[in-house]
């Protein structure tokens, strides 16, 4: 297990610049559209299947859909921010000190 983790960390370090470049390109190409698509899909997947007769007027399902749809974009934006902060902040720091 330790060897696997060491290989993973080495591979991540070797590919960090490539990952940062791809993330930067996605930011330029409007990653917001991708995040919104992922959020909508996640919100749809999070909704429970309707049981027959459980929600006769559909109001509970509509409320659940609205809650899931409003929460999902923020969650995906936070995930994206964490990912980009991880890979892009190190590069920005190195450039700032003139490396």
PDB file of N, CA and C in Angstrom:
ATOM      1  N   UNK A   1       0.824  -1.190   0.000  1.00  0.00           N
ATOM      2  CA  UNK A   1       0.000   0.000   0.000  1.00  0.00           C
ATOM      3  C   UNK A   1       0.869   1.255   0.000  1.00  0.00           C
ATOM      4  N   UNK A   2       1.927   1.262   0.771  1.00  0.00           N
ATOM      5  CA  UNK A   2       2.811   2.425   0.834  1.00  0.00           C
ATOM      6  C   UNK A   2       3.457   2.671  -0.531  1.00  0.00           C
ATOM      7  N   UNK A   3       3.853   1.609  -1.214  1.00  0.00           N
ATOM      8  CA  UNK A   3       4.455   1.755  -2.540  1.00  0.00           C
ATOM      9  C   UNK A   3       3.458   2.369  -3.521  1.00  0.00           C
ATOM     10  N   UNK A   4       2.222   1.933  -3.428  1.00  0.00           N
ATOM     11  CA  UNK A   4       1.183   2.480  -4.311  1.00  0.00           C
ATOM     12  C   UNK A   4       1.011   3.974  -4.067  1.00  0.00           C
ATOM     13  N   UNK A   5       0.957   4.382  -2.819  1.00  0.00           N
ATOM     14  CA  UNK A   5       0.783   5.799  -2.483  1.00  0.00           C
ATOM     15  C   UNK A   5       1.985   6.602  -2.963  1.00  0.00           C
ATOM     16  N   UNK A   6       3.188   6.057  -2.794  1.00  0.00           N
ATOM     17  CA  UNK A   6       4.384   6.749  -3.268  1.00  0.00           C
ATOM     18  C   UNK A   6       4.354   6.929  -4.789  1.00  0.00           C
ATOM     19  N   UNK A   7       3.945   5.886  -5.506  1.00  0.00           N
ATOM     20  CA  UNK A   7       3.835   5.992  -6.965  1.00  0.00           C
ATOM     21  C   UNK A   7       2.778   7.010  -7.359  1.00  0.00           C
ATOM     22  N   UNK A   8       1.645   6.987  -6.655  1.00  0.00           N
ATOM     23  CA  UNK A   8       0.568   7.933  -6.941  1.00  0.00           C
ATOM     24  C   UNK A   8       1.045   9.367  -6.754  1.00  0.00           C
ATOM     25  N   UNK A   9       1.727   9.638  -5.655  1.00  0.00           N
ATOM     26  CA  UNK A   9       2.210  10.997  -5.378  1.00  0.00           C
ATOM     27  C   UNK A   9       3.241  11.416  -6.415  1.00  0.00           C
ATOM     28  N   UNK A  10       4.138  10.507  -6.790  1.00  0.00           N
ATOM     29  CA  UNK A  10       5.143  10.827  -7.811  1.00  0.00           C
ATOM     30  C   UNK A  10       4.471  11.108  -9.152  1.00  0.00           C
ATOM     31  N   UNK A  11       3.485  10.303  -9.510  1.00  0.00           N
ATOM     32  CA  UNK A  11       2.771  10.515 -10.771  1.00  0.00           C
ATOM     33  C   UNK A  11       2.017  11.841 -10.743  1.00  0.00           C
ATOM     34  N   UNK A  12       1.408  12.147  -9.638  1.00  0.00           N
ATOM     35  CA  UNK A  12       0.686  13.409  -9.492  1.00  0.00           C
ATOM     36  C   UNK A  12       1.644  14.591  -9.611  1.00  0.00           C
ATOM     37  N   UNK A  13       2.799  14.491  -8.998  1.00  0.00           N
ATOM     38  CA  UNK A  13       3.795  15.564  -9.084  1.00  0.00           C
ATOM     39  C   UNK A  13       4.286  15.727 -10.521  1.00  0.00           C
ATOM     40  N   UNK A  14       4.480  14.613 -11.219  1.00  0.00           N
ATOM     41  CA  UNK A  14       4.958  14.673 -12.601  1.00  0.00           C
ATOM     42  C   UNK A  14       3.915  15.238 -13.547  1.00  0.00           C
ATOM     43  N   UNK A  15       2.660  15.021 -13.258  1.00  0.00           N
ATOM     44  CA  UNK A  15       1.586  15.463 -14.149  1.00  0.00           C
ATOM     45  C   UNK A  15       0.902  16.743 -13.692  1.00  0.00           C
ATOM     46  N   UNK A  16       1.364  17.311 -12.601  1.00  0.00           N
ATOM     47  CA  UNK A  16       0.726  18.503 -12.046  1.00  0.00           C
ATOM     48  C   UNK A  16       0.633  19.649 -13.024  1.00  0.00           C
ATOM     49  N   UNK A  17       1.710  19.903 -13.767  1.00  0.00           N
ATOM     50  CA  UNK A  17       1.698  21.009 -14.743  1.00  0.00           C
ATOM     51  C   UNK A  17       0.708  20.736 -15.865  1.00  0.00           C
ATOM     52  N   UNK A  18       0.637  19.488 -16.304  1.00  0.00           N
ATOM     53  CA  UNK A  18      -0.311  19.128 -17.366  1.00  0.00           C
ATOM     54  C   UNK A  18      -1.750  19.304 -16.881  1.00  0.00           C
ATOM     55  N   UNK A  19      -2.015  18.867 -15.667  1.00  0.00           N
ATOM     56  CA  UNK A  19      -3.354  19.014 -15.091  1.00  0.00           C
ATOM     57  C   UNK A  19      -3.697  20.492 -14.943  1.00  0.00           C
ATOM     58  N   UNK A  20      -2.752  21.287 -14.462  1.00  0.00           N
ATOM     59  CA  UNK A  20      -2.983  22.724 -14.299  1.00  0.00           C
ATOM     60  C   UNK A  20      -3.291  23.377 -15.645  1.00  0.00           C
ATOM     61  N   UNK A  21      -2.573  22.982 -16.685  1.00  0.00           N
ATOM     62  CA  UNK A  21      -2.812  23.526 -18.019  1.00  0.00           C
ATOM     63  C   UNK A  21      -4.226  23.192 -18.488  1.00  0.00           C
ATOM     64  N   UNK A  22      -4.647  21.959 -18.289  1.00  0.00           N
ATOM     65  CA  UNK A  22      -6.001  21.560 -18.703  1.00  0.00           C
ATOM     66  C   UNK A  22      -7.072  22.310 -17.917  1.00  0.00           C
ATOM     67  N   UNK A  23      -6.861  22.468 -16.618  1.00  0.00           N
ATOM     68  CA  UNK A  23      -7.825  23.204 -15.798  1.00  0.00           C
ATOM     69  C   UNK A  23      -7.905  24.665 -16.232  1.00  0.00           C
ATOM     70  N   UNK A  24      -6.763  25.245 -16.539  1.00  0.00           N
ATOM     71  CA  UNK A  24      -6.745  26.631 -17.003  1.00  0.00           C
ATOM     72  C   UNK A  24      -7.497  26.771 -18.316  1.00  0.00           C
ATOM     73  N   UNK A  25      -7.298  25.822 -19.218  1.00  0.00           N
ATOM     74  CA  UNK A  25      -8.009  25.857 -20.496  1.00  0.00           C
ATOM     75  C   UNK A  25      -9.513  25.708 -20.294  1.00  0.00           C
ATOM     76  N   UNK A  26      -9.924  24.872 -19.346  1.00  0.00           N
ATOM     77  CA  UNK A  26     -11.354  24.729 -19.060  1.00  0.00           C
ATOM     78  C   UNK A  26     -11.918  26.014 -18.476  1.00  0.00           C
ATOM     79  N   UNK A  27     -11.162  26.674 -17.622  1.00  0.00           N
ATOM     80  CA  UNK A  27     -11.618  27.955 -17.065  1.00  0.00           C
ATOM     81  C   UNK A  27     -11.830  28.975 -18.167  1.00  0.00           C
ATOM     82  N   UNK A  28     -10.912  29.033 -19.108  1.00  0.00           N
ATOM     83  CA  UNK A  28     -11.027  29.981 -20.214  1.00  0.00           C
ATOM     84  C   UNK A  28     -12.232  29.628 -21.095  1.00  0.00           C
ATOM     85  N   UNK A  29     -12.495  28.340 -21.258  1.00  0.00           N
ATOM     86  CA  UNK A  29     -13.581  27.886 -22.131  1.00  0.00           C
ATOM     87  C   UNK A  29     -14.930  27.887 -21.420  1.00  0.00           C
ATOM     88  N   UNK A  30     -15.017  28.474 -20.237  1.00  0.00           N
ATOM     89  CA  UNK A  30     -16.260  28.578 -19.469  1.00  0.00           C
ATOM     90  C   UNK A  30     -16.644  27.245 -18.839  1.00  0.00           C
ATOM     91  N   UNK A  31     -15.918  26.884 -17.818  1.00  0.00           N
ATOM     92  CA  UNK A  31     -16.203  25.664 -17.074  1.00  0.00           C
ATOM     93  C   UNK A  31     -17.579  25.730 -16.411  1.00  0.00           C
ATOM     94  N   UNK A  32     -18.122  26.914 -16.272  1.00  0.00           N
ATOM     95  CA  UNK A  32     -19.435  27.067 -15.641  1.00  0.00           C
ATOM     96  C   UNK A  32     -20.527  26.256 -16.310  1.00  0.00           C
ATOM     97  N   UNK A  33     -20.460  26.161 -17.644  1.00  0.00           N
ATOM     98  CA  UNK A  33     -21.467  25.363 -18.361  1.00  0.00           C
ATOM     99  C   UNK A  33     -21.359  23.891 -17.992  1.00  0.00           C
ATOM    100  N   UNK A  34     -20.126  23.392 -17.875  1.00  0.00           N
ATOM    101  CA  UNK A  34     -19.918  21.991 -17.489  1.00  0.00           C
ATOM    102  C   UNK A  34     -20.372  21.744 -16.058  1.00  0.00           C
ATOM    103  N   UNK A  35     -20.080  22.692 -15.188  1.00  0.00           N
ATOM    104  CA  UNK A  35     -20.492  22.553 -13.793  1.00  0.00           C
ATOM    105  C   UNK A  35     -22.008  22.545 -13.673  1.00  0.00           C
ATOM    106  N   UNK A  36     -22.660  23.402 -14.435  1.00  0.00           N
ATOM    107  CA  UNK A  36     -24.122  23.449 -14.404  1.00  0.00           C
ATOM    108  C   UNK A  36     -24.723  22.142 -14.918  1.00  0.00           C
ATOM    109  N   UNK A  37     -24.144  21.585 -15.978  1.00  0.00           N
ATOM    110  CA  UNK A  37     -24.629  20.302 -16.503  1.00  0.00           C
ATOM    111  C   UNK A  37     -24.442  19.197 -15.468  1.00  0.00           C
ATOM    112  N   UNK A  38     -23.290  19.174 -14.805  1.00  0.00           N
ATOM    113  CA  UNK A  38     -23.043  18.167 -13.770  1.00  0.00           C
ATOM    114  C   UNK A  38     -24.007  18.354 -12.601  1.00  0.00           C
ATOM    115  N   UNK A  39     -24.253  19.598 -12.231  1.00  0.00           N
ATOM    116  CA  UNK A  39     -25.157  19.887 -11.119  1.00  0.00           C
ATOM    117  C   UNK A  39     -26.586  19.445 -11.437  1.00  0.00           C
ATOM    118  N   UNK A  40     -27.023  19.720 -12.652  1.00  0.00           N
ATOM    119  CA  UNK A  40     -28.380  19.305 -13.036  1.00  0.00           C
ATOM    120  C   UNK A  40     -28.507  17.795 -13.027  1.00  0.00           C
ATOM    121  N   UNK A  41     -27.481  17.113 -13.528  1.00  0.00           N
ATOM    122  CA  UNK A  41     -27.512  15.648 -13.554  1.00  0.00           C
ATOM    123  C   UNK A  41     -27.540  15.093 -12.134  1.00  0.00           C
ATOM    124  N   UNK A  42     -26.694  15.653 -11.268  1.00  0.00           N
ATOM    125  CA  UNK A  42     -26.650  15.198  -9.887  1.00  0.00           C
ATOM    126  C   UNK A  42     -27.984  15.452  -9.189  1.00  0.00           C
ATOM    127  N   UNK A  43     -28.569  16.606  -9.437  1.00  0.00           N
ATOM    128  CA  UNK A  43     -29.859  16.930  -8.820  1.00  0.00           C
ATOM    129  C   UNK A  43     -30.931  15.947  -9.272  1.00  0.00           C
ATOM    130  N   UNK A  44     -30.922  15.624 -10.552  1.00  0.00           N
ATOM    131  CA  UNK A  44     -31.896  14.655 -11.069  1.00  0.00           C
ATOM    132  C   UNK A  44     -31.700  13.276 -10.490  1.00  0.00           C
ATOM    133  N   UNK A  45     -30.438  12.875 -10.333  1.00  0.00           N
ATOM    134  CA  UNK A  45     -30.138  11.557  -9.768  1.00  0.00           C
ATOM    135  C   UNK A  45     -30.479  11.481  -8.287  1.00  0.00           C
ATOM    136  N   UNK A  46     -30.452  12.624  -7.598  1.00  0.00           N
ATOM    137  CA  UNK A  46     -30.702  12.638  -6.160  1.00  0.00           C
ATOM    138  C   UNK A  46     -32.173  12.524  -5.806  1.00  0.00           C
ATOM    139  N   UNK A  47     -33.034  12.754  -6.783  1.00  0.00           N
ATOM    140  CA  UNK A  47     -34.471  12.705  -6.499  1.00  0.00           C
ATOM    141  C   UNK A  47     -34.931  11.269  -6.319  1.00  0.00           C
ATOM    142  N   UNK A  48     -35.758  11.033  -5.312  1.00  0.00           N
ATOM    143  CA  UNK A  48     -36.252   9.672  -5.099  1.00  0.00           C
ATOM    144  C   UNK A  48     -37.264   9.284  -6.178  1.00  0.00           C
ATOM    145  N   UNK A  49     -37.329   7.999  -6.427  1.00  0.00           N
ATOM    146  CA  UNK A  49     -38.350   7.499  -7.345  1.00  0.00           C
ATOM    147  C   UNK A  49     -39.713   7.681  -6.690  1.00  0.00           C
ATOM    148  N   UNK A  50     -40.673   8.049  -7.501  1.00  0.00           N
ATOM    149  CA  UNK A  50     -42.023   8.251  -6.971  1.00  0.00           C
ATOM    150  C   UNK A  50     -42.681   6.905  -6.678  1.00  0.00           C
ATOM    151  N   UNK A  51     -43.167   6.790  -5.459  1.00  0.00           N
ATOM    152  CA  UNK A  51     -43.947   5.604  -5.100  1.00  0.00           C
ATOM    153  C   UNK A  51     -45.397   5.893  -5.461  1.00  0.00           C
ATOM    154  N   UNK A  52     -46.105   4.916  -5.994  1.00  0.00           N
ATOM    155  CA  UNK A  52     -47.498   5.148  -6.375  1.00  0.00           C
ATOM    156  C   UNK A  52     -48.327   5.648  -5.190  1.00  0.00           C
ATOM    157  N   UNK A  53     -48.997   6.776  -5.371  1.00  0.00           N
ATOM    158  CA  UNK A  53     -49.886   7.323  -4.353  1.00  0.00           C
ATOM    159  C   UNK A  53     -49.187   8.082  -3.246  1.00  0.00           C
ATOM    160  N   UNK A  54     -47.859   8.118  -3.234  1.00  0.00           N
ATOM    161  CA  UNK A  54     -47.132   8.770  -2.149  1.00  0.00           C
ATOM    162  C   UNK A  54     -47.222  10.294  -2.226  1.00  0.00           C
ATOM    163  N   UNK A  55     -47.330  10.819  -3.423  1.00  0.00           N
ATOM    164  CA  UNK A  55     -47.354  12.268  -3.624  1.00  0.00           C
ATOM    165  C   UNK A  55     -48.385  12.572  -4.716  1.00  0.00           C
ATOM    166  N   UNK A  56     -49.673  12.472  -4.375  1.00  0.00           N
ATOM    167  CA  UNK A  56     -50.711  12.548  -5.403  1.00  0.00           C
ATOM    168  C   UNK A  56     -50.707  13.838  -6.222  1.00  0.00           C
ATOM    169  N   UNK A  57     -50.380  14.975  -5.618  1.00  0.00           N
ATOM    170  CA  UNK A  57     -50.404  16.220  -6.388  1.00  0.00           C
ATOM    171  C   UNK A  57     -49.015  16.610  -6.916  1.00  0.00           C
ATOM    172  N   UNK A  58     -47.995  15.834  -6.571  1.00  0.00           N
ATOM    173  CA  UNK A  58     -46.644  16.084  -7.065  1.00  0.00           C
ATOM    174  C   UNK A  58     -45.931  17.239  -6.386  1.00  0.00           C
ATOM    175  N   UNK A  59     -46.535  17.780  -5.342  1.00  0.00           N
ATOM    176  CA  UNK A  59     -45.962  18.951  -4.686  1.00  0.00           C
ATOM    177  C   UNK A  59     -44.653  18.602  -3.961  1.00  0.00           C
ATOM    178  N   UNK A  60     -44.612  17.456  -3.287  1.00  0.00           N
ATOM    179  CA  UNK A  60     -43.387  17.068  -2.583  1.00  0.00           C
ATOM    180  C   UNK A  60     -42.244  16.832  -3.567  1.00  0.00           C
ATOM    181  N   UNK A  61     -42.554  16.184  -4.682  1.00  0.00           N
ATOM    182  CA  UNK A  61     -41.531  15.946  -5.698  1.00  0.00           C
ATOM    183  C   UNK A  61     -41.025  17.260  -6.265  1.00  0.00           C
ATOM    184  N   UNK A  62     -41.932  18.194  -6.470  1.00  0.00           N
ATOM    185  CA  UNK A  62     -41.549  19.499  -7.006  1.00  0.00           C
ATOM    186  C   UNK A  62     -40.653  20.251  -6.019  1.00  0.00           C
ATOM    187  N   UNK A  63     -40.973  20.169  -4.731  1.00  0.00           N
ATOM    188  CA  UNK A  63     -40.150  20.827  -3.707  1.00  0.00           C
ATOM    189  C   UNK A  63     -38.776  20.158  -3.617  1.00  0.00           C
ATOM    190  N   UNK A  64     -38.739  18.839  -3.682  1.00  0.00           N
ATOM    191  CA  UNK A  64     -37.464  18.121  -3.635  1.00  0.00           C
ATOM    192  C   UNK A  64     -36.607  18.471  -4.838  1.00  0.00           C
ATOM    193  N   UNK A  65     -37.229  18.566  -6.003  1.00  0.00           N
ATOM    194  CA  UNK A  65     -36.509  18.925  -7.221  1.00  0.00           C
ATOM    195  C   UNK A  65     -35.933  20.342  -7.108  1.00  0.00           C
ATOM    196  N   UNK A  66     -36.728  21.270  -6.591  1.00  0.00           N
ATOM    197  CA  UNK A  66     -36.267  22.653  -6.442  1.00  0.00           C
ATOM    198  C   UNK A  66     -35.106  22.740  -5.452  1.00  0.00           C
ATOM    199  N   UNK A  67     -35.193  22.003  -4.345  1.00  0.00           N
ATOM    200  CA  UNK A  67     -34.120  22.028  -3.352  1.00  0.00           C
ATOM    201  C   UNK A  67     -32.834  21.430  -3.910  1.00  0.00           C
ATOM    202  N   UNK A  68     -32.944  20.303  -4.594  1.00  0.00           N
ATOM    203  CA  UNK A  68     -31.759  19.656  -5.172  1.00  0.00           C
ATOM    204  C   UNK A  68     -31.143  20.519  -6.265  1.00  0.00           C
ATOM    205  N   UNK A  69     -31.972  21.139  -7.078  1.00  0.00           N
ATOM    206  CA  UNK A  69     -31.491  21.964  -8.181  1.00  0.00           C
ATOM    207  C   UNK A  69     -30.795  23.227  -7.670  1.00  0.00           C
ATOM    208  N   UNK A  70     -31.278  23.790  -6.573  1.00  0.00           N
ATOM    209  CA  UNK A  70     -30.653  25.008  -6.062  1.00  0.00           C
ATOM    210  C   UNK A  70     -29.362  24.719  -5.302  1.00  0.00           C
ATOM    211  N   UNK A  71     -29.244  23.557  -4.678  1.00  0.00           N
ATOM    212  CA  UNK A  71     -28.047  23.233  -3.898  1.00  0.00           C
ATOM    213  C   UNK A  71     -26.908  22.689  -4.751  1.00  0.00           C
ATOM    214  N   UNK A  72     -27.215  21.991  -5.810  1.00  0.00           N
ATOM    215  CA  UNK A  72     -26.185  21.304  -6.598  1.00  0.00           C
ATOM    216  C   UNK A  72     -25.169  22.247  -7.251  1.00  0.00           C
ATOM    217  N   UNK A  73     -25.575  23.364  -7.863  1.00  0.00           N
ATOM    218  CA  UNK A  73     -24.561  24.223  -8.492  1.00  0.00           C
ATOM    219  C   UNK A  73     -23.508  24.740  -7.511  1.00  0.00           C
ATOM    220  N   UNK A  74     -23.922  25.102  -6.318  1.00  0.00           N
ATOM    221  CA  UNK A  74     -22.973  25.593  -5.323  1.00  0.00           C
ATOM    222  C   UNK A  74     -21.984  24.493  -4.940  1.00  0.00           C
ATOM    223  N   UNK A  75     -22.487  23.285  -4.785  1.00  0.00           N
ATOM    224  CA  UNK A  75     -21.606  22.169  -4.440  1.00  0.00           C
ATOM    225  C   UNK A  75     -20.581  21.927  -5.542  1.00  0.00           C
ATOM    226  N   UNK A  76     -21.003  21.970  -6.796  1.00  0.00           N
ATOM    227  CA  UNK A  76     -20.072  21.753  -7.909  1.00  0.00           C
ATOM    228  C   UNK A  76     -19.095  22.910  -8.064  1.00  0.00           C
ATOM    229  N   UNK A  77     -19.540  24.126  -7.815  1.00  0.00           N
ATOM    230  CA  UNK A  77     -18.620  25.266  -7.858  1.00  0.00           C
ATOM    231  C   UNK A  77     -17.552  25.130  -6.780  1.00  0.00           C
ATOM    232  N   UNK A  78     -17.940  24.665  -5.595  1.00  0.00           N
ATOM    233  CA  UNK A  78     -16.975  24.461  -4.516  1.00  0.00           C
ATOM    234  C   UNK A  78     -15.978  23.354  -4.862  1.00  0.00           C
ATOM    235  N   UNK A  79     -16.458  22.281  -5.467  1.00  0.00           N
ATOM    236  CA  UNK A  79     -15.553  21.209  -5.889  1.00  0.00           C
ATOM    237  C   UNK A  79     -14.555  21.734  -6.922  1.00  0.00           C
ATOM    238  N   UNK A  80     -15.055  22.486  -7.887  1.00  0.00           N
ATOM    239  CA  UNK A  80     -14.197  23.038  -8.938  1.00  0.00           C
ATOM    240  C   UNK A  80     -13.161  23.988  -8.335  1.00  0.00           C
ATOM    241  N   UNK A  81     -13.607  24.837  -7.425  1.00  0.00           N
ATOM    242  CA  UNK A  81     -12.699  25.781  -6.785  1.00  0.00           C
ATOM    243  C   UNK A  81     -11.608  25.032  -6.022  1.00  0.00           C
ATOM    244  N   UNK A  82     -11.960  23.987  -5.318  1.00  0.00           N
ATOM    245  CA  UNK A  82     -10.969  23.200  -4.599  1.00  0.00           C
ATOM    246  C   UNK A  82      -9.964  22.552  -5.526  1.00  0.00           C
ATOM    247  N   UNK A  83     -10.456  21.999  -6.633  1.00  0.00           N
ATOM    248  CA  UNK A  83      -9.569  21.361  -7.604  1.00  0.00           C
ATOM    249  C   UNK A  83      -8.624  22.375  -8.240  1.00  0.00           C
ATOM    250  N   UNK A  84      -9.166  23.498  -8.676  1.00  0.00           N
ATOM    251  CA  UNK A  84      -8.309  24.496  -9.316  1.00  0.00           C
ATOM    252  C   UNK A  84      -7.354  25.135  -8.307  1.00  0.00           C
ATOM    253  N   UNK A  85      -7.804  25.356  -7.086  1.00  0.00           N
ATOM    254  CA  UNK A  85      -6.906  25.899  -6.062  1.00  0.00           C
ATOM    255  C   UNK A  85      -5.733  24.951  -5.821  1.00  0.00           C
ATOM    256  N   UNK A  86      -6.003  23.667  -5.830  1.00  0.00           N
ATOM    257  CA  UNK A  86      -4.964  22.666  -5.572  1.00  0.00           C
ATOM    258  C   UNK A  86      -3.873  22.734  -6.642  1.00  0.00           C
ATOM    259  N   UNK A  87      -4.276  22.799  -7.902  1.00  0.00           N
ATOM    260  CA  UNK A  87      -3.298  22.732  -8.987  1.00  0.00           C
ATOM    261  C   UNK A  87      -2.829  24.097  -9.480  1.00  0.00           C
ATOM    262  N   UNK A  88      -3.693  25.092  -9.476  1.00  0.00           N
ATOM    263  CA  UNK A  88      -3.326  26.377 -10.059  1.00  0.00           C
ATOM    264  C   UNK A  88      -2.675  27.322  -9.060  1.00  0.00           C
ATOM    265  N   UNK A  89      -2.987  27.206  -7.783  1.00  0.00           N
ATOM    266  CA  UNK A  89      -2.403  28.146  -6.819  1.00  0.00           C
ATOM    267  C   UNK A  89      -0.908  27.911  -6.672  1.00  0.00           C
ATOM    268  N   UNK A  90      -0.441  26.682  -6.774  1.00  0.00           N
ATOM    269  CA  UNK A  90       0.988  26.419  -6.678  1.00  0.00           C
ATOM    270  C   UNK A  90       1.737  27.055  -7.842  1.00  0.00           C
ATOM    271  N   UNK A  91       1.204  26.973  -9.035  1.00  0.00           N
ATOM    272  CA  UNK A  91       1.846  27.563 -10.202  1.00  0.00           C
ATOM    273  C   UNK A  91       1.868  29.094 -10.070  1.00  0.00           C
ATOM    274  N   UNK A  92       0.757  29.657  -9.638  1.00  0.00           N
ATOM    275  CA  UNK A  92       0.700  31.107  -9.464  1.00  0.00           C
ATOM    276  C   UNK A  92       1.726  31.553  -8.433  1.00  0.00           C
ATOM    277  N   UNK A  93       1.901  30.796  -7.371  1.00  0.00           N
ATOM    278  CA  UNK A  93       2.877  31.135  -6.341  1.00  0.00           C
ATOM    279  C   UNK A  93       4.288  31.084  -6.902  1.00  0.00           C
ATOM    280  N   UNK A  94       4.584  30.073  -7.689  1.00  0.00           N
ATOM    281  CA  UNK A  94       5.919  29.951  -8.285  1.00  0.00           C
ATOM    282  C   UNK A  94       6.191  31.092  -9.272  1.00  0.00           C
ATOM    283  N   UNK A  95       5.199  31.448 -10.052  1.00  0.00           N
ATOM    284  CA  UNK A  95       5.379  32.555 -11.001  1.00  0.00           C
ATOM    285  C   UNK A  95       5.556  33.879 -10.271  1.00  0.00           C
ATOM    286  N   UNK A  96       4.858  34.040  -9.157  1.00  0.00           N
ATOM    287  CA  UNK A  96       4.937  35.283  -8.400  1.00  0.00           C
ATOM    288  C   UNK A  96       6.336  35.504  -7.826  1.00  0.00           C
ATOM    289  N   UNK A  97       7.029  34.428  -7.492  1.00  0.00           N
ATOM    290  CA  UNK A  97       8.376  34.583  -6.932  1.00  0.00           C
ATOM    291  C   UNK A  97       9.434  34.519  -8.020  1.00  0.00           C
ATOM    292  N   UNK A  98       9.015  34.391  -9.270  1.00  0.00           N
ATOM    293  CA  UNK A  98       9.936  34.422 -10.390  1.00  0.00           C
ATOM    294  C   UNK A  98      10.629  33.109 -10.693  1.00  0.00           C
ATOM    295  N   UNK A  99      10.025  32.016 -10.321  1.00  0.00           N
ATOM    296  CA  UNK A  99      10.641  30.733 -10.608  1.00  0.00           C
ATOM    297  C   UNK A  99      10.497  30.365 -12.038  1.00  0.00           C
TER     298      UNK A  99
END
